[in-house]
Amino acid sequence: MATRLRLQRHGKKGKPFFHIVAADARAKRDGRFIEKVGTYNPNTNPATIDIVHDRALYWLQVGAEMSHTARAIMKYKGVVYHNHLLNGVKKGALTEEQAQAKFEEWLREKEGKASTAANKLSAAADEARAKALAKEKEVNDARSKELAGKQAELAAEAAAAQAAAEAAAAPAVEEAPAEEAPAAEEAPAAEEAPAAEEAPAAEEEKPAEEGGEEKEG
């Protein structure tokens, strides 16, 4: 029976999640399998890969084939290299100790590279976050200025409206009556000239002339 290491799709639409399985090469992709040897999640950055190293290595040692994606994953995790070293031991090119030392050295280098890559990704993420925060702050400052301007404008309008209302409510200031010019003092009526002194009544008839005729006795 030909055995093949391949991916079996799980997850939901738009967010696939894969199991890495050893299955009969004739089985359907998502059908029955012999053994699950790992998982692959491409939705994270970097992708998350978990491999049961010993079991994956076992299947390579017994001649299992690999799909294109499964081969890339096995190379990335060092399973293919470890299998190569063990084949060298079988051929007598290396001792088991030498093969193990080489594999451990490869693991250290791989971990260093992975750590550097992770640091770069983290730095890039921090930089992107800082830029996003700066841009957001800039937008917020612009909005704050715009809001402050509108508030000042509204306050000015409210003050003007209040002043107009107060002016309309205040009683009209009574105009001070114009001081009447004092009436020209009427010139006293010209005193009527005293009537010409009445001429004294005609002097009473002069008494009979003295020695006049005496009345008859």
N, C-alpha and C. Protein backbone atom coordinates (compact mmCIF):
# COMPACT_ATOMS: atom_id res chain seq x y z
N MET A 1 0.84 -1.19 0.00
CA MET A 1 0.00 0.00 0.00
C MET A 1 0.88 1.25 0.00
N ALA A 2 0.71 2.12 -0.99
CA ALA A 2 1.47 3.37 -1.05
C ALA A 2 0.90 4.36 -0.04
N THR A 3 1.80 4.88 0.80
CA THR A 3 1.40 5.84 1.82
C THR A 3 1.87 7.23 1.40
N ARG A 4 1.06 8.21 1.75
CA ARG A 4 1.37 9.58 1.33
C ARG A 4 1.09 10.53 2.49
N LEU A 5 2.06 11.44 2.74
CA LEU A 5 1.84 12.51 3.70
C LEU A 5 1.22 13.68 2.97
N ARG A 6 0.08 14.11 3.44
CA ARG A 6 -0.62 15.21 2.76
C ARG A 6 -1.48 15.99 3.74
N LEU A 7 -2.07 17.06 3.23
CA LEU A 7 -2.90 17.93 4.07
C LEU A 7 -4.37 17.56 3.92
N GLN A 8 -5.06 17.62 5.02
CA GLN A 8 -6.49 17.38 5.04
C GLN A 8 -7.17 18.65 5.53
N ARG A 9 -8.06 19.21 4.70
CA ARG A 9 -8.63 20.52 5.00
C ARG A 9 -9.72 20.47 6.06
N HIS A 10 -9.61 21.44 6.99
CA HIS A 10 -10.65 21.65 8.01
C HIS A 10 -10.86 23.16 8.12
N GLY A 11 -11.52 23.58 9.16
CA GLY A 11 -11.76 25.01 9.33
C GLY A 11 -13.01 25.45 8.60
N LYS A 12 -13.24 26.79 8.60
CA LYS A 12 -14.44 27.32 7.95
C LYS A 12 -14.07 28.07 6.68
N LYS A 13 -15.08 28.49 5.96
CA LYS A 13 -14.87 29.15 4.69
C LYS A 13 -14.07 30.43 4.89
N GLY A 14 -13.02 30.56 4.10
CA GLY A 14 -12.17 31.74 4.20
C GLY A 14 -11.08 31.63 5.24
N LYS A 15 -11.17 30.65 6.16
CA LYS A 15 -10.15 30.45 7.19
C LYS A 15 -9.85 28.96 7.31
N PRO A 16 -9.12 28.43 6.34
CA PRO A 16 -8.84 26.98 6.37
C PRO A 16 -7.84 26.62 7.46
N PHE A 17 -7.96 25.42 7.94
CA PHE A 17 -7.05 24.86 8.94
C PHE A 17 -6.79 23.41 8.50
N PHE A 18 -5.51 23.02 8.48
CA PHE A 18 -5.18 21.73 7.88
C PHE A 18 -4.58 20.76 8.90
N HIS A 19 -4.95 19.51 8.74
CA HIS A 19 -4.29 18.43 9.45
C HIS A 19 -3.29 17.79 8.48
N ILE A 20 -2.13 17.42 9.00
CA ILE A 20 -1.13 16.71 8.18
C ILE A 20 -1.24 15.23 8.55
N VAL A 21 -1.58 14.45 7.56
CA VAL A 21 -1.90 13.05 7.84
C VAL A 21 -1.10 12.11 6.93
N ALA A 22 -0.95 10.90 7.42
CA ALA A 22 -0.42 9.81 6.60
C ALA A 22 -1.63 9.00 6.16
N ALA A 23 -1.82 8.91 4.86
CA ALA A 23 -3.02 8.25 4.34
C ALA A 23 -2.67 7.40 3.14
N ASP A 24 -3.57 6.52 2.81
CA ASP A 24 -3.43 5.72 1.59
C ASP A 24 -3.49 6.68 0.41
N ALA A 25 -2.55 6.52 -0.53
CA ALA A 25 -2.49 7.43 -1.67
C ALA A 25 -3.77 7.38 -2.49
N ARG A 26 -4.55 6.29 -2.39
CA ARG A 26 -5.78 6.16 -3.17
C ARG A 26 -7.00 6.75 -2.47
N ALA A 27 -6.82 7.13 -1.19
CA ALA A 27 -7.96 7.67 -0.44
C ALA A 27 -8.25 9.11 -0.87
N LYS A 28 -9.50 9.53 -0.65
CA LYS A 28 -9.88 10.90 -0.96
C LYS A 28 -9.12 11.86 -0.06
N ARG A 29 -9.01 13.09 -0.55
CA ARG A 29 -8.21 14.06 0.20
C ARG A 29 -8.68 14.22 1.63
N ASP A 30 -10.00 14.38 1.82
CA ASP A 30 -10.53 14.58 3.16
C ASP A 30 -11.19 13.31 3.71
N GLY A 31 -10.77 12.17 3.15
CA GLY A 31 -11.36 10.91 3.59
C GLY A 31 -10.58 10.27 4.74
N ARG A 32 -10.59 8.97 4.75
CA ARG A 32 -9.95 8.24 5.83
C ARG A 32 -8.43 8.40 5.76
N PHE A 33 -7.81 8.35 6.92
CA PHE A 33 -6.35 8.44 6.98
C PHE A 33 -5.84 7.44 8.00
N ILE A 34 -4.53 7.22 7.95
CA ILE A 34 -3.91 6.24 8.85
C ILE A 34 -3.52 6.87 10.17
N GLU A 35 -2.85 8.03 10.08
CA GLU A 35 -2.36 8.68 11.30
C GLU A 35 -2.23 10.18 11.07
N LYS A 36 -2.57 10.94 12.07
CA LYS A 36 -2.37 12.39 12.03
C LYS A 36 -1.01 12.70 12.64
N VAL A 37 -0.15 13.39 11.88
CA VAL A 37 1.21 13.68 12.35
C VAL A 37 1.46 15.17 12.61
N GLY A 38 0.46 16.01 12.40
CA GLY A 38 0.67 17.44 12.65
C GLY A 38 -0.48 18.31 12.18
N THR A 39 -0.33 19.60 12.38
CA THR A 39 -1.34 20.58 11.94
C THR A 39 -0.63 21.76 11.30
N TYR A 40 -1.38 22.45 10.45
CA TYR A 40 -0.85 23.63 9.74
C TYR A 40 -1.94 24.69 9.69
N ASN A 41 -1.63 25.85 10.29
CA ASN A 41 -2.59 26.96 10.32
C ASN A 41 -2.00 28.16 9.57
N PRO A 42 -2.46 28.43 8.35
CA PRO A 42 -1.91 29.54 7.57
C PRO A 42 -2.53 30.89 7.91
N ASN A 43 -3.44 30.92 8.86
CA ASN A 43 -4.14 32.17 9.17
C ASN A 43 -3.36 33.09 10.11
N THR A 44 -2.27 32.59 10.68
CA THR A 44 -1.45 33.41 11.56
C THR A 44 -0.22 33.91 10.80
N ASN A 45 0.47 34.88 11.38
CA ASN A 45 1.69 35.42 10.77
C ASN A 45 2.81 35.42 11.81
N PRO A 46 3.82 34.54 11.67
CA PRO A 46 3.96 33.51 10.62
C PRO A 46 2.98 32.36 10.84
N ALA A 47 2.88 31.51 9.82
CA ALA A 47 1.97 30.37 9.91
C ALA A 47 2.38 29.47 11.09
N THR A 48 1.38 28.87 11.72
CA THR A 48 1.63 27.99 12.86
C THR A 48 1.68 26.54 12.38
N ILE A 49 2.81 25.89 12.69
CA ILE A 49 3.00 24.49 12.27
C ILE A 49 3.39 23.66 13.48
N ASP A 50 2.64 22.61 13.72
CA ASP A 50 2.97 21.66 14.78
C ASP A 50 3.15 20.29 14.16
N ILE A 51 4.31 19.70 14.40
CA ILE A 51 4.63 18.40 13.81
C ILE A 51 5.06 17.42 14.92
N VAL A 52 4.54 16.22 14.85
CA VAL A 52 5.06 15.14 15.72
C VAL A 52 6.27 14.58 14.97
N HIS A 53 7.44 15.13 15.33
CA HIS A 53 8.65 14.88 14.54
C HIS A 53 8.94 13.38 14.36
N ASP A 54 8.91 12.64 15.44
CA ASP A 54 9.28 11.22 15.36
C ASP A 54 8.35 10.44 14.43
N ARG A 55 7.03 10.74 14.48
CA ARG A 55 6.09 9.99 13.65
C ARG A 55 6.21 10.39 12.18
N ALA A 56 6.42 11.70 11.94
CA ALA A 56 6.61 12.11 10.55
C ALA A 56 7.89 11.49 9.98
N LEU A 57 8.95 11.48 10.81
CA LEU A 57 10.21 10.87 10.38
C LEU A 57 10.03 9.37 10.11
N TYR A 58 9.25 8.71 10.94
CA TYR A 58 9.00 7.27 10.75
C TYR A 58 8.39 7.01 9.37
N TRP A 59 7.40 7.81 9.00
CA TRP A 59 6.73 7.57 7.72
C TRP A 59 7.67 7.84 6.54
N LEU A 60 8.56 8.82 6.72
CA LEU A 60 9.55 9.03 5.65
C LEU A 60 10.54 7.87 5.58
N GLN A 61 10.86 7.34 6.74
CA GLN A 61 11.81 6.21 6.78
C GLN A 61 11.22 4.95 6.12
N VAL A 62 9.91 4.81 6.15
CA VAL A 62 9.30 3.62 5.55
C VAL A 62 8.88 3.88 4.11
N GLY A 63 9.29 5.06 3.57
CA GLY A 63 9.08 5.30 2.16
C GLY A 63 7.82 6.06 1.78
N ALA A 64 7.20 6.74 2.74
CA ALA A 64 5.98 7.50 2.40
C ALA A 64 6.34 8.66 1.47
N GLU A 65 5.47 8.89 0.51
CA GLU A 65 5.64 10.04 -0.37
C GLU A 65 5.04 11.28 0.29
N MET A 66 5.30 12.43 -0.32
CA MET A 66 4.78 13.67 0.24
C MET A 66 4.15 14.52 -0.86
N SER A 67 3.06 15.18 -0.51
CA SER A 67 2.51 16.15 -1.43
C SER A 67 3.43 17.37 -1.46
N HIS A 68 3.21 18.25 -2.42
CA HIS A 68 4.09 19.42 -2.56
C HIS A 68 4.10 20.25 -1.28
N THR A 69 2.92 20.56 -0.75
CA THR A 69 2.84 21.39 0.46
C THR A 69 3.40 20.65 1.67
N ALA A 70 3.09 19.37 1.77
CA ALA A 70 3.60 18.59 2.91
C ALA A 70 5.13 18.54 2.88
N ARG A 71 5.73 18.42 1.69
CA ARG A 71 7.19 18.40 1.57
C ARG A 71 7.78 19.73 2.07
N ALA A 72 7.15 20.86 1.66
CA ALA A 72 7.65 22.17 2.10
C ALA A 72 7.59 22.30 3.62
N ILE A 73 6.53 21.78 4.20
CA ILE A 73 6.40 21.85 5.66
C ILE A 73 7.43 20.96 6.34
N MET A 74 7.64 19.77 5.82
CA MET A 74 8.60 18.84 6.41
C MET A 74 10.04 19.37 6.29
N LYS A 75 10.33 20.04 5.20
CA LYS A 75 11.66 20.65 5.05
C LYS A 75 11.82 21.79 6.06
N TYR A 76 10.78 22.59 6.19
CA TYR A 76 10.85 23.73 7.11
C TYR A 76 11.07 23.26 8.56
N LYS A 77 10.46 22.17 8.93
CA LYS A 77 10.57 21.66 10.30
C LYS A 77 11.76 20.73 10.49
N GLY A 78 12.55 20.47 9.42
CA GLY A 78 13.76 19.67 9.57
C GLY A 78 13.56 18.18 9.46
N VAL A 79 12.35 17.73 9.18
CA VAL A 79 12.10 16.29 9.09
C VAL A 79 12.82 15.70 7.88
N VAL A 80 12.78 16.40 6.78
CA VAL A 80 13.44 15.91 5.56
C VAL A 80 14.95 15.83 5.77
N TYR A 81 15.53 16.84 6.41
CA TYR A 81 16.98 16.85 6.64
C TYR A 81 17.37 15.71 7.58
N HIS A 82 16.57 15.53 8.63
CA HIS A 82 16.86 14.46 9.58
C HIS A 82 16.78 13.09 8.88
N ASN A 83 15.80 12.95 8.00
CA ASN A 83 15.68 11.70 7.25
C ASN A 83 16.90 11.48 6.36
N HIS A 84 17.41 12.58 5.78
CA HIS A 84 18.60 12.49 4.94
C HIS A 84 19.82 12.03 5.75
N LEU A 85 19.95 12.58 6.97
CA LEU A 85 21.07 12.19 7.82
C LEU A 85 20.97 10.71 8.21
N LEU A 86 19.77 10.27 8.54
CA LEU A 86 19.61 8.86 8.92
C LEU A 86 19.88 7.93 7.75
N ASN A 87 19.54 8.38 6.55
CA ASN A 87 19.87 7.55 5.37
C ASN A 87 21.38 7.48 5.18
N GLY A 88 22.08 8.58 5.54
CA GLY A 88 23.55 8.57 5.49
C GLY A 88 24.12 7.60 6.49
N VAL A 89 23.48 7.51 7.67
CA VAL A 89 23.93 6.55 8.68
C VAL A 89 23.76 5.13 8.16
N LYS A 90 22.64 4.87 7.51
CA LYS A 90 22.40 3.53 6.96
C LYS A 90 23.45 3.15 5.92
N LYS A 91 23.90 4.15 5.19
CA LYS A 91 24.90 3.88 4.15
C LYS A 91 26.31 3.87 4.71
N GLY A 92 26.46 4.23 5.99
CA GLY A 92 27.77 4.24 6.62
C GLY A 92 28.56 5.50 6.41
N ALA A 93 27.94 6.52 5.86
CA ALA A 93 28.65 7.78 5.65
C ALA A 93 28.80 8.56 6.95
N LEU A 94 27.90 8.32 7.88
CA LEU A 94 27.93 9.02 9.17
C LEU A 94 27.63 8.04 10.29
N THR A 95 28.09 8.41 11.47
CA THR A 95 27.67 7.66 12.64
C THR A 95 26.39 8.30 13.17
N GLU A 96 25.70 7.61 14.05
CA GLU A 96 24.47 8.17 14.62
C GLU A 96 24.78 9.43 15.43
N GLU A 97 25.95 9.42 16.15
CA GLU A 97 26.33 10.58 16.94
C GLU A 97 26.56 11.81 16.03
N GLN A 98 27.27 11.56 14.93
CA GLN A 98 27.53 12.66 13.99
C GLN A 98 26.23 13.19 13.38
N ALA A 99 25.36 12.26 13.03
CA ALA A 99 24.09 12.67 12.44
C ALA A 99 23.27 13.49 13.44
N GLN A 100 23.28 13.04 14.70
CA GLN A 100 22.52 13.77 15.72
C GLN A 100 23.13 15.14 15.98
N ALA A 101 24.47 15.23 15.97
CA ALA A 101 25.13 16.51 16.20
C ALA A 101 24.82 17.49 15.06
N LYS A 102 24.84 16.98 13.84
CA LYS A 102 24.53 17.84 12.69
C LYS A 102 23.08 18.35 12.77
N PHE A 103 22.19 17.44 13.16
CA PHE A 103 20.79 17.84 13.22
C PHE A 103 20.57 18.89 14.31
N GLU A 104 21.22 18.72 15.46
CA GLU A 104 21.07 19.70 16.55
C GLU A 104 21.65 21.06 16.15
N GLU A 105 22.76 21.03 15.42
CA GLU A 105 23.34 22.29 14.94
C GLU A 105 22.37 22.97 13.97
N TRP A 106 21.75 22.18 13.11
CA TRP A 106 20.77 22.74 12.17
C TRP A 106 19.59 23.36 12.93
N LEU A 107 19.17 22.67 13.99
CA LEU A 107 18.06 23.19 14.79
C LEU A 107 18.40 24.53 15.43
N ARG A 108 19.63 24.66 15.93
CA ARG A 108 20.04 25.93 16.56
C ARG A 108 20.03 27.06 15.53
N GLU A 109 20.58 26.78 14.36
CA GLU A 109 20.60 27.80 13.31
C GLU A 109 19.16 28.17 12.91
N LYS A 110 18.32 27.14 12.82
CA LYS A 110 16.93 27.38 12.44
C LYS A 110 16.22 28.23 13.48
N GLU A 111 16.46 27.92 14.73
CA GLU A 111 15.83 28.70 15.80
C GLU A 111 16.31 30.15 15.79
N GLY A 112 17.62 30.33 15.51
CA GLY A 112 18.15 31.70 15.44
C GLY A 112 17.50 32.48 14.30
N LYS A 113 17.38 31.83 13.13
CA LYS A 113 16.74 32.49 12.00
C LYS A 113 15.27 32.79 12.29
N ALA A 114 14.62 31.82 12.93
CA ALA A 114 13.21 32.02 13.25
C ALA A 114 13.03 33.17 14.24
N SER A 115 13.96 33.23 15.21
CA SER A 115 13.90 34.31 16.20
C SER A 115 14.12 35.67 15.54
N THR A 116 15.11 35.73 14.62
CA THR A 116 15.37 36.99 13.90
C THR A 116 14.16 37.40 13.07
N ALA A 117 13.57 36.41 12.38
CA ALA A 117 12.38 36.71 11.57
C ALA A 117 11.23 37.19 12.45
N ALA A 118 11.07 36.54 13.61
CA ALA A 118 9.99 36.94 14.52
C ALA A 118 10.21 38.36 15.03
N ASN A 119 11.49 38.67 15.34
CA ASN A 119 11.79 40.03 15.82
C ASN A 119 11.51 41.07 14.74
N LYS A 120 11.84 40.73 13.50
CA LYS A 120 11.56 41.65 12.40
C LYS A 120 10.07 41.87 12.24
N LEU A 121 9.33 40.76 12.31
CA LEU A 121 7.88 40.87 12.20
C LEU A 121 7.30 41.71 13.34
N SER A 122 7.85 41.48 14.54
CA SER A 122 7.37 42.23 15.70
C SER A 122 7.69 43.72 15.55
N ALA A 123 8.93 44.01 15.08
CA ALA A 123 9.31 45.41 14.89
C ALA A 123 8.44 46.06 13.82
N ALA A 124 8.18 45.30 12.73
CA ALA A 124 7.32 45.84 11.67
C ALA A 124 5.92 46.09 12.19
N ALA A 125 5.43 45.16 13.01
CA ALA A 125 4.09 45.34 13.57
C ALA A 125 4.04 46.55 14.51
N ASP A 126 5.11 46.71 15.33
CA ASP A 126 5.16 47.86 16.23
C ASP A 126 5.21 49.17 15.45
N GLU A 127 6.01 49.17 14.39
CA GLU A 127 6.11 50.38 13.56
C GLU A 127 4.77 50.72 12.91
N ALA A 128 4.12 49.66 12.39
CA ALA A 128 2.81 49.88 11.75
C ALA A 128 1.80 50.39 12.78
N ARG A 129 1.87 49.83 14.00
CA ARG A 129 0.97 50.27 15.06
C ARG A 129 1.24 51.72 15.44
N ALA A 130 2.54 52.07 15.52
CA ALA A 130 2.89 53.46 15.87
C ALA A 130 2.41 54.43 14.79
N LYS A 131 2.57 54.04 13.53
CA LYS A 131 2.10 54.90 12.44
C LYS A 131 0.59 55.05 12.49
N ALA A 132 -0.09 53.94 12.77
CA ALA A 132 -1.55 54.00 12.85
C ALA A 132 -1.99 54.91 13.99
N LEU A 133 -1.29 54.81 15.14
CA LEU A 133 -1.63 55.66 16.28
C LEU A 133 -1.37 57.13 15.97
N ALA A 134 -0.22 57.39 15.28
CA ALA A 134 0.10 58.77 14.93
C ALA A 134 -0.95 59.34 13.98
N LYS A 135 -1.33 58.52 13.01
CA LYS A 135 -2.35 58.98 12.05
C LYS A 135 -3.68 59.22 12.76
N GLU A 136 -4.02 58.31 13.66
CA GLU A 136 -5.27 58.48 14.41
C GLU A 136 -5.23 59.73 15.27
N LYS A 137 -4.06 59.99 15.90
CA LYS A 137 -3.90 61.19 16.71
C LYS A 137 -4.04 62.45 15.86
N GLU A 138 -3.45 62.39 14.67
CA GLU A 138 -3.55 63.53 13.76
C GLU A 138 -5.01 63.80 13.38
N VAL A 139 -5.73 62.73 13.08
CA VAL A 139 -7.15 62.88 12.73
C VAL A 139 -7.94 63.42 13.92
N ASN A 140 -7.65 62.89 15.12
CA ASN A 140 -8.35 63.35 16.31
C ASN A 140 -8.06 64.81 16.60
N ASP A 141 -6.79 65.23 16.41
CA ASP A 141 -6.44 66.63 16.64
C ASP A 141 -7.18 67.53 15.66
N ALA A 142 -7.24 67.09 14.40
CA ALA A 142 -7.95 67.88 13.40
C ALA A 142 -9.43 68.00 13.77
N ARG A 143 -10.00 66.90 14.23
CA ARG A 143 -11.41 66.93 14.62
C ARG A 143 -11.62 67.83 15.84
N SER A 144 -10.66 67.77 16.77
CA SER A 144 -10.77 68.61 17.98
C SER A 144 -10.72 70.09 17.61
N LYS A 145 -9.80 70.44 16.70
CA LYS A 145 -9.72 71.83 16.27
C LYS A 145 -11.00 72.27 15.58
N GLU A 146 -11.50 71.39 14.71
CA GLU A 146 -12.73 71.72 14.00
C GLU A 146 -13.89 71.89 14.98
N LEU A 147 -13.96 70.99 15.96
CA LEU A 147 -15.02 71.07 16.96
C LEU A 147 -14.89 72.34 17.80
N ALA A 148 -13.63 72.67 18.18
CA ALA A 148 -13.42 73.88 18.97
C ALA A 148 -13.85 75.11 18.18
N GLY A 149 -13.52 75.14 16.89
CA GLY A 149 -13.93 76.27 16.05
C GLY A 149 -15.44 76.39 15.98
N LYS A 150 -16.12 75.24 15.81
CA LYS A 150 -17.58 75.27 15.74
C LYS A 150 -18.18 75.73 17.06
N GLN A 151 -17.60 75.25 18.18
CA GLN A 151 -18.11 75.66 19.49
C GLN A 151 -17.93 77.16 19.71
N ALA A 152 -16.76 77.67 19.28
CA ALA A 152 -16.54 79.11 19.43
C ALA A 152 -17.53 79.89 18.58
N GLU A 153 -17.78 79.41 17.37
CA GLU A 153 -18.73 80.07 16.48
C GLU A 153 -20.13 80.05 17.08
N LEU A 154 -20.53 78.88 17.63
CA LEU A 154 -21.84 78.78 18.25
C LEU A 154 -21.95 79.68 19.48
N ALA A 155 -20.86 79.75 20.25
CA ALA A 155 -20.87 80.61 21.44
C ALA A 155 -21.03 82.07 21.04
N ALA A 156 -20.33 82.47 19.97
CA ALA A 156 -20.45 83.85 19.51
C ALA A 156 -21.86 84.13 19.03
N GLU A 157 -22.44 83.18 18.29
CA GLU A 157 -23.81 83.37 17.83
C GLU A 157 -24.78 83.46 19.00
N ALA A 158 -24.57 82.60 20.01
CA ALA A 158 -25.45 82.61 21.17
C ALA A 158 -25.34 83.94 21.92
N ALA A 159 -24.08 84.44 22.05
CA ALA A 159 -23.88 85.72 22.74
C ALA A 159 -24.57 86.85 21.98
N ALA A 160 -24.44 86.82 20.64
CA ALA A 160 -25.08 87.86 19.83
C ALA A 160 -26.59 87.78 19.96
N ALA A 161 -27.15 86.56 19.95
CA ALA A 161 -28.59 86.40 20.08
C ALA A 161 -29.07 86.88 21.44
N GLN A 162 -28.29 86.55 22.48
CA GLN A 162 -28.67 86.99 23.83
C GLN A 162 -28.64 88.51 23.93
N ALA A 163 -27.60 89.11 23.33
CA ALA A 163 -27.51 90.57 23.37
C ALA A 163 -28.69 91.20 22.65
N ALA A 164 -29.06 90.61 21.50
CA ALA A 164 -30.20 91.14 20.75
C ALA A 164 -31.49 91.00 21.54
N ALA A 165 -31.65 89.86 22.23
CA ALA A 165 -32.85 89.65 23.03
C ALA A 165 -32.93 90.63 24.18
N GLU A 166 -31.79 90.86 24.84
CA GLU A 166 -31.78 91.81 25.94
C GLU A 166 -32.10 93.21 25.45
N ALA A 167 -31.56 93.55 24.28
CA ALA A 167 -31.83 94.89 23.74
C ALA A 167 -33.31 95.04 23.42
N ALA A 168 -33.93 93.97 22.91
CA ALA A 168 -35.34 94.05 22.56
C ALA A 168 -36.21 94.11 23.81
N ALA A 169 -35.78 93.45 24.88
CA ALA A 169 -36.59 93.42 26.09
C ALA A 169 -36.46 94.69 26.91
N ALA A 170 -35.37 95.41 26.80
CA ALA A 170 -35.17 96.61 27.61
C ALA A 170 -36.16 97.69 27.20
N PRO A 171 -36.82 98.45 28.19
CA PRO A 171 -37.76 99.52 27.83
C PRO A 171 -37.05 100.61 27.07
N ALA A 172 -37.79 101.17 26.12
CA ALA A 172 -37.18 102.23 25.33
C ALA A 172 -36.82 103.39 26.24
N VAL A 173 -35.69 103.91 26.05
CA VAL A 173 -35.24 105.02 26.90
C VAL A 173 -36.07 106.25 26.54
N GLU A 174 -36.71 106.79 27.57
CA GLU A 174 -37.54 107.98 27.31
C GLU A 174 -36.64 109.13 26.94
N GLU A 175 -37.07 109.78 25.87
CA GLU A 175 -36.28 110.92 25.45
C GLU A 175 -36.51 112.04 26.44
N ALA A 176 -35.46 112.64 26.83
CA ALA A 176 -35.59 113.74 27.78
C ALA A 176 -36.37 114.86 27.10
N PRO A 177 -37.42 115.34 27.73
CA PRO A 177 -38.20 116.42 27.09
C PRO A 177 -37.32 117.63 26.87
N ALA A 178 -37.51 118.20 25.71
CA ALA A 178 -36.71 119.38 25.40
C ALA A 178 -37.13 120.50 26.35
N GLU A 179 -36.16 121.11 26.93
CA GLU A 179 -36.48 122.18 27.87
C GLU A 179 -37.19 123.30 27.13
N GLU A 180 -38.37 123.56 27.65
CA GLU A 180 -39.11 124.62 26.98
C GLU A 180 -38.44 125.94 27.26
N ALA A 181 -38.27 126.65 26.21
CA ALA A 181 -37.69 127.98 26.41
C ALA A 181 -38.66 128.77 27.27
N PRO A 182 -38.15 129.34 28.28
CA PRO A 182 -39.09 130.11 29.15
C PRO A 182 -39.83 131.12 28.31
N ALA A 183 -41.13 131.14 28.54
CA ALA A 183 -41.94 132.08 27.75
C ALA A 183 -41.41 133.48 27.96
N ALA A 184 -41.31 134.15 26.87
CA ALA A 184 -40.80 135.52 27.00
C ALA A 184 -41.70 136.28 27.96
N GLU A 185 -41.05 136.82 28.89
CA GLU A 185 -41.85 137.53 29.88
C GLU A 185 -42.68 138.60 29.16
N GLU A 186 -43.95 138.43 29.44
CA GLU A 186 -44.80 139.40 28.78
C GLU A 186 -44.52 140.78 29.35
N ALA A 187 -44.30 141.63 28.42
CA ALA A 187 -44.07 143.00 28.90
C ALA A 187 -45.34 143.47 29.60
N PRO A 188 -45.18 143.99 30.75
CA PRO A 188 -46.40 144.44 31.46
C PRO A 188 -47.16 145.40 30.57
N ALA A 189 -48.45 145.16 30.58
CA ALA A 189 -49.26 146.03 29.72
C ALA A 189 -48.97 147.47 30.08
N ALA A 190 -48.76 148.13 29.05
CA ALA A 190 -48.43 149.53 29.32
C ALA A 190 -49.52 150.13 30.20
N GLU A 191 -49.01 150.59 31.28
CA GLU A 191 -50.00 151.16 32.19
C GLU A 191 -50.75 152.26 31.45
N GLU A 192 -52.01 152.01 31.54
CA GLU A 192 -52.81 153.03 30.87
C GLU A 192 -52.52 154.37 31.50
N ALA A 193 -52.28 155.21 30.61
CA ALA A 193 -52.00 156.55 31.15
C ALA A 193 -53.19 156.96 31.99
N PRO A 194 -52.90 157.41 33.16
CA PRO A 194 -54.04 157.80 34.00
C PRO A 194 -54.90 158.81 33.25
N ALA A 195 -56.16 158.51 33.37
CA ALA A 195 -57.06 159.42 32.65
C ALA A 195 -56.76 160.83 33.06
N ALA A 196 -56.77 161.52 32.06
CA ALA A 196 -56.46 162.91 32.38
C ALA A 196 -57.31 163.35 33.56
N GLU A 197 -56.55 163.79 34.45
CA GLU A 197 -57.27 164.16 35.65
C GLU A 197 -58.51 164.95 35.24
N GLU A 198 -59.55 164.31 35.74
CA GLU A 198 -60.78 164.97 35.35
C GLU A 198 -60.73 166.43 35.84
N ALA A 199 -61.09 167.14 34.89
CA ALA A 199 -61.10 168.56 35.27
C ALA A 199 -62.06 168.71 36.44
N PRO A 200 -61.67 169.38 37.42
CA PRO A 200 -62.58 169.52 38.57
C PRO A 200 -63.89 170.08 38.09
N ALA A 201 -64.89 169.54 38.71
CA ALA A 201 -66.22 170.00 38.30
C ALA A 201 -66.25 171.50 38.31
N ALA A 202 -66.98 171.89 37.31
CA ALA A 202 -67.04 173.34 37.22
C ALA A 202 -67.30 173.88 38.59
N GLU A 203 -66.44 174.72 38.83
CA GLU A 203 -66.54 175.26 40.17
C GLU A 203 -67.99 175.61 40.44
N GLU A 204 -68.30 175.10 41.61
CA GLU A 204 -69.65 175.37 42.00
C GLU A 204 -69.91 176.87 41.81
N GLU A 205 -71.08 176.97 41.41
CA GLU A 205 -71.40 178.36 41.17
C GLU A 205 -70.95 179.18 42.33
N LYS A 206 -70.33 180.13 41.93
CA LYS A 206 -69.79 181.01 42.96
C LYS A 206 -70.94 181.46 43.84
N PRO A 207 -70.68 181.45 45.06
CA PRO A 207 -71.71 181.93 45.97
C PRO A 207 -72.16 183.34 45.54
N ALA A 208 -73.40 183.45 45.79
CA ALA A 208 -73.90 184.75 45.40
C ALA A 208 -72.97 185.80 45.87
N GLU A 209 -72.88 186.54 44.94
CA GLU A 209 -71.96 187.61 45.26
C GLU A 209 -72.38 188.25 46.54
N GLU A 210 -71.39 188.32 47.26
CA GLU A 210 -71.59 188.94 48.54
C GLU A 210 -72.33 190.24 48.33
N GLY A 211 -73.22 190.49 49.23
CA GLY A 211 -73.95 191.74 49.16
C GLY A 211 -74.96 191.72 48.07
N GLY A 212 -75.23 190.64 47.61
CA GLY A 212 -76.25 190.55 46.59
C GLY A 212 -77.59 190.72 47.22
N GLU A 213 -78.53 190.49 46.36
CA GLU A 213 -79.84 190.66 46.87
C GLU A 213 -80.16 189.65 47.89
N GLU A 214 -80.67 190.17 49.04
CA GLU A 214 -81.07 189.26 50.08
C GLU A 214 -82.46 188.80 49.75
N LYS A 215 -82.69 187.72 50.15
CA LYS A 215 -83.99 187.18 49.89
C LYS A 215 -85.02 188.05 50.59
N GLU A 216 -86.06 188.04 49.87
CA GLU A 216 -87.11 188.84 50.43
C GLU A 216 -87.56 188.17 51.69
N GLY A 217 -87.63 189.05 52.66
CA GLY A 217 -88.07 188.63 53.97
C GLY A 217 -89.43 188.16 54.01
